[in-house]
Amino acid sequence: MADHDREPDARSGADAPAEGKRYYRIGEVSRITGVKPYVLRYWESEFRWMAPAKSRSKQRLYRQRDIEVIQLIKKLLYEERFTIAGARKRLRELGVARALEQPQPELAFEVDPRTQLEKIREELRAIRGLL
């Protein structure tokens, strides 16, 4: 696939997956998800059920569902700040299918930073008043 055939994903700066494609190689998945190939290989060892199929030449072949799971793991680790063990536990508790379907809660740092700072100032003023 040529670089000009790929559409950039506005949310993460990563590429969007091609429509109708059944399998993606690790380099393509890396570009789509914004996760380096060595990290994907590491996650395979930590999340045993995330092992993609392999071709006869032993290349990893990811499906669309695998990409969705990778994006979920990325969200848990990088945005929600879970540890590997915590993310593994969370996915085990919910089940991967339910975790993919469940709407993710809004994160605190996605709120307007000025609003967050104002709340912090108010709390600090309240603490100063108690002193």
C-alpha atoms as a PDB file:
ATOM      1  CA  MET A   1       0.000   0.000   0.000  1.00  0.00           C
ATOM      2  CA  ALA A   2       1.477   3.353  -0.994  1.00  0.00           C
ATOM      3  CA  ASP A   3       1.707   6.180   1.549  1.00  0.00           C
ATOM      4  CA  HIS A   4      -0.682   8.318  -0.466  1.00  0.00           C
ATOM      5  CA  ASP A   5      -3.383   5.609  -0.226  1.00  0.00           C
ATOM      6  CA  ARG A   6      -3.527   5.882   3.566  1.00  0.00           C
ATOM      7  CA  GLU A   7      -5.760   8.339   5.375  1.00  0.00           C
ATOM      8  CA  PRO A   8      -4.327   9.943   8.514  1.00  0.00           C
ATOM      9  CA  ASP A   9      -6.311   9.425  11.717  1.00  0.00           C
ATOM     10  CA  ALA A  10      -7.013  12.888  13.105  1.00  0.00           C
ATOM     11  CA  ARG A  11      -7.313  11.691  16.727  1.00  0.00           C
ATOM     12  CA  SER A  12      -3.885  10.162  17.173  1.00  0.00           C
ATOM     13  CA  GLY A  13      -1.842  11.159  14.161  1.00  0.00           C
ATOM     14  CA  ALA A  14      -1.842   7.482  13.167  1.00  0.00           C
ATOM     15  CA  ASP A  15      -3.041   6.062   9.873  1.00  0.00           C
ATOM     16  CA  ALA A  16      -6.589   4.800   9.433  1.00  0.00           C
ATOM     17  CA  PRO A  17      -6.975   1.131   8.458  1.00  0.00           C
ATOM     18  CA  ALA A  18      -7.795   0.423   4.819  1.00  0.00           C
ATOM     19  CA  GLU A  19     -11.408  -0.546   4.197  1.00  0.00           C
ATOM     20  CA  GLY A  20     -12.076  -4.160   3.190  1.00  0.00           C
ATOM     21  CA  LYS A  21      -8.599  -5.398   4.007  1.00  0.00           C
ATOM     22  CA  ARG A  22      -8.593  -8.685   5.936  1.00  0.00           C
ATOM     23  CA  TYR A  23      -5.029  -8.854   7.266  1.00  0.00           C
ATOM     24  CA  TYR A  24      -2.404  -6.297   8.213  1.00  0.00           C
ATOM     25  CA  ARG A  25       1.305  -6.801   8.789  1.00  0.00           C
ATOM     26  CA  ILE A  26       2.985  -5.511  11.934  1.00  0.00           C
ATOM     27  CA  GLY A  27       4.386  -2.396  10.216  1.00  0.00           C
ATOM     28  CA  GLU A  28       0.931  -1.431   8.992  1.00  0.00           C
ATOM     29  CA  VAL A  29      -0.583  -2.041  12.430  1.00  0.00           C
ATOM     30  CA  SER A  30       2.161   0.090  13.949  1.00  0.00           C
ATOM     31  CA  ARG A  31       1.309   2.983  11.632  1.00  0.00           C
ATOM     32  CA  ILE A  32      -2.447   2.555  12.193  1.00  0.00           C
ATOM     33  CA  THR A  33      -2.248   2.409  15.994  1.00  0.00           C
ATOM     34  CA  GLY A  34       0.784   4.584  16.648  1.00  0.00           C
ATOM     35  CA  VAL A  35       2.402   1.747  18.631  1.00  0.00           C
ATOM     36  CA  LYS A  36       5.951   0.684  17.737  1.00  0.00           C
ATOM     37  CA  PRO A  37       6.402  -2.889  16.418  1.00  0.00           C
ATOM     38  CA  TYR A  38       8.645  -3.909  19.326  1.00  0.00           C
ATOM     39  CA  VAL A  39       5.913  -2.779  21.748  1.00  0.00           C
ATOM     40  CA  LEU A  40       3.325  -4.850  19.861  1.00  0.00           C
ATOM     41  CA  ARG A  41       5.595  -7.909  20.119  1.00  0.00           C
ATOM     42  CA  TYR A  42       6.070  -7.242  23.845  1.00  0.00           C
ATOM     43  CA  TRP A  43       2.326  -6.900  24.389  1.00  0.00           C
ATOM     44  CA  GLU A  44       1.886 -10.303  22.730  1.00  0.00           C
ATOM     45  CA  SER A  45       4.008 -11.822  25.488  1.00  0.00           C
ATOM     46  CA  GLU A  46       2.077  -9.971  28.222  1.00  0.00           C
ATOM     47  CA  PHE A  47      -1.433 -10.420  26.801  1.00  0.00           C
ATOM     48  CA  ARG A  48      -1.296 -14.072  25.695  1.00  0.00           C
ATOM     49  CA  TRP A  49      -4.687 -13.982  23.952  1.00  0.00           C
ATOM     50  CA  MET A  50      -3.438 -11.143  21.713  1.00  0.00           C
ATOM     51  CA  ALA A  51      -1.349 -13.443  19.540  1.00  0.00           C
ATOM     52  CA  PRO A  52      -2.119 -12.721  15.877  1.00  0.00           C
ATOM     53  CA  ALA A  53      -2.169 -15.423  13.228  1.00  0.00           C
ATOM     54  CA  LYS A  54       1.096 -16.008  11.377  1.00  0.00           C
ATOM     55  CA  SER A  55       1.709 -16.611   7.705  1.00  0.00           C
ATOM     56  CA  ARG A  56       3.768 -19.509   6.376  1.00  0.00           C
ATOM     57  CA  SER A  57       6.744 -17.169   6.438  1.00  0.00           C
ATOM     58  CA  LYS A  58       6.033 -16.480  10.157  1.00  0.00           C
ATOM     59  CA  GLN A  59       4.918 -12.875   9.593  1.00  0.00           C
ATOM     60  CA  ARG A  60       2.275 -11.650  12.003  1.00  0.00           C
ATOM     61  CA  LEU A  61      -1.116 -11.138  10.375  1.00  0.00           C
ATOM     62  CA  TYR A  62      -3.449  -8.876  12.342  1.00  0.00           C
ATOM     63  CA  ARG A  63      -7.196  -8.631  11.712  1.00  0.00           C
ATOM     64  CA  GLN A  64      -9.370  -5.569  12.282  1.00  0.00           C
ATOM     65  CA  ARG A  65     -10.458  -7.030  15.641  1.00  0.00           C
ATOM     66  CA  ASP A  66      -6.785  -7.337  16.690  1.00  0.00           C
ATOM     67  CA  ILE A  67      -6.258  -3.668  15.856  1.00  0.00           C
ATOM     68  CA  GLU A  68      -9.272  -2.712  17.982  1.00  0.00           C
ATOM     69  CA  VAL A  69      -7.863  -4.718  20.917  1.00  0.00           C
ATOM     70  CA  ILE A  70      -4.467  -3.035  20.480  1.00  0.00           C
ATOM     71  CA  GLN A  71      -6.118   0.379  20.534  1.00  0.00           C
ATOM     72  CA  LEU A  72      -8.000  -0.594  23.698  1.00  0.00           C
ATOM     73  CA  ILE A  73      -4.788  -1.782  25.379  1.00  0.00           C
ATOM     74  CA  LYS A  74      -3.065   1.422  24.291  1.00  0.00           C
ATOM     75  CA  LYS A  75      -5.891   3.468  25.844  1.00  0.00           C
ATOM     76  CA  LEU A  76      -5.729   1.519  29.101  1.00  0.00           C
ATOM     77  CA  LEU A  77      -1.950   1.807  29.375  1.00  0.00           C
ATOM     78  CA  TYR A  78      -1.229   5.274  28.030  1.00  0.00           C
ATOM     79  CA  GLU A  79      -4.375   7.293  28.705  1.00  0.00           C
ATOM     80  CA  GLU A  80      -5.924   5.638  31.751  1.00  0.00           C
ATOM     81  CA  ARG A  81      -2.456   4.887  33.178  1.00  0.00           C
ATOM     82  CA  PHE A  82      -3.056   1.218  34.025  1.00  0.00           C
ATOM     83  CA  THR A  83      -0.042  -0.988  34.614  1.00  0.00           C
ATOM     84  CA  ILE A  84       0.350  -4.033  32.372  1.00  0.00           C
ATOM     85  CA  ALA A  85      -0.989  -6.212  35.194  1.00  0.00           C
ATOM     86  CA  GLY A  86      -3.859  -3.795  35.820  1.00  0.00           C
ATOM     87  CA  ALA A  87      -4.810  -3.682  32.138  1.00  0.00           C
ATOM     88  CA  ARG A  88      -4.632  -7.478  31.941  1.00  0.00           C
ATOM     89  CA  LYS A  89      -6.883  -7.761  35.005  1.00  0.00           C
ATOM     90  CA  ARG A  90      -9.342  -5.166  33.652  1.00  0.00           C
ATOM     91  CA  LEU A  91      -9.629  -6.978  30.321  1.00  0.00           C
ATOM     92  CA  ARG A  92     -10.025 -10.327  32.080  1.00  0.00           C
ATOM     93  CA  GLU A  93     -12.785  -8.928  34.329  1.00  0.00           C
ATOM     94  CA  LEU A  94     -14.741  -7.357  31.489  1.00  0.00           C
ATOM     95  CA  GLY A  95     -13.854  -9.793  28.779  1.00  0.00           C
ATOM     96  CA  VAL A  96     -12.295  -8.371  25.624  1.00  0.00           C
ATOM     97  CA  ALA A  97     -15.573  -8.313  23.679  1.00  0.00           C
ATOM     98  CA  ARG A  98     -17.410  -6.383  26.413  1.00  0.00           C
ATOM     99  CA  ALA A  99     -14.466  -4.046  26.938  1.00  0.00           C
ATOM    100  CA  LEU A 100     -14.474  -3.164  23.232  1.00  0.00           C
ATOM    101  CA  GLU A 101     -18.228  -2.523  23.261  1.00  0.00           C
ATOM    102  CA  GLN A 102     -18.297  -0.569  26.543  1.00  0.00           C
ATOM    103  CA  PRO A 103     -18.116   3.202  26.153  1.00  0.00           C
ATOM    104  CA  GLN A 104     -14.979   4.491  27.799  1.00  0.00           C
ATOM    105  CA  PRO A 105     -15.437   7.135  30.526  1.00  0.00           C
ATOM    106  CA  GLU A 106     -14.229  10.642  29.899  1.00  0.00           C
ATOM    107  CA  LEU A 107     -10.803  11.169  31.334  1.00  0.00           C
ATOM    108  CA  ALA A 108      -9.987  13.986  33.760  1.00  0.00           C
ATOM    109  CA  PHE A 109      -7.268  15.486  31.550  1.00  0.00           C
ATOM    110  CA  GLU A 110      -9.687  15.729  28.622  1.00  0.00           C
ATOM    111  CA  VAL A 111     -11.562  18.430  30.557  1.00  0.00           C
ATOM    112  CA  ASP A 112     -10.658  22.053  29.824  1.00  0.00           C
ATOM    113  CA  PRO A 113      -7.325  22.722  31.579  1.00  0.00           C
ATOM    114  CA  ARG A 114      -8.514  26.146  32.759  1.00  0.00           C
ATOM    115  CA  THR A 115     -11.492  24.533  34.487  1.00  0.00           C
ATOM    116  CA  GLN A 116      -9.185  22.025  36.140  1.00  0.00           C
ATOM    117  CA  LEU A 117      -6.833  24.785  37.332  1.00  0.00           C
ATOM    118  CA  GLU A 118      -9.731  26.806  38.727  1.00  0.00           C
ATOM    119  CA  LYS A 119     -10.932  23.782  40.719  1.00  0.00           C
ATOM    120  CA  ILE A 120      -7.440  23.284  42.104  1.00  0.00           C
ATOM    121  CA  ARG A 121      -7.217  26.981  43.067  1.00  0.00           C
ATOM    122  CA  GLU A 122     -10.558  26.758  44.876  1.00  0.00           C
ATOM    123  CA  GLU A 123      -9.398  23.699  46.801  1.00  0.00           C
ATOM    124  CA  LEU A 124      -6.119  25.415  47.731  1.00  0.00           C
ATOM    125  CA  ARG A 125      -8.001  28.514  48.921  1.00  0.00           C
ATOM    126  CA  ALA A 126     -10.242  26.295  51.071  1.00  0.00           C
ATOM    127  CA  ILE A 127      -7.186  24.587  52.580  1.00  0.00           C
ATOM    128  CA  ARG A 128      -5.501  27.977  53.219  1.00  0.00           C
ATOM    129  CA  GLY A 129      -8.707  29.128  54.962  1.00  0.00           C
ATOM    130  CA  LEU A 130      -8.491  26.160  57.314  1.00  0.00           C
ATOM    131  CA  LEU A 131      -4.908  27.003  58.331  1.00  0.00           C
END
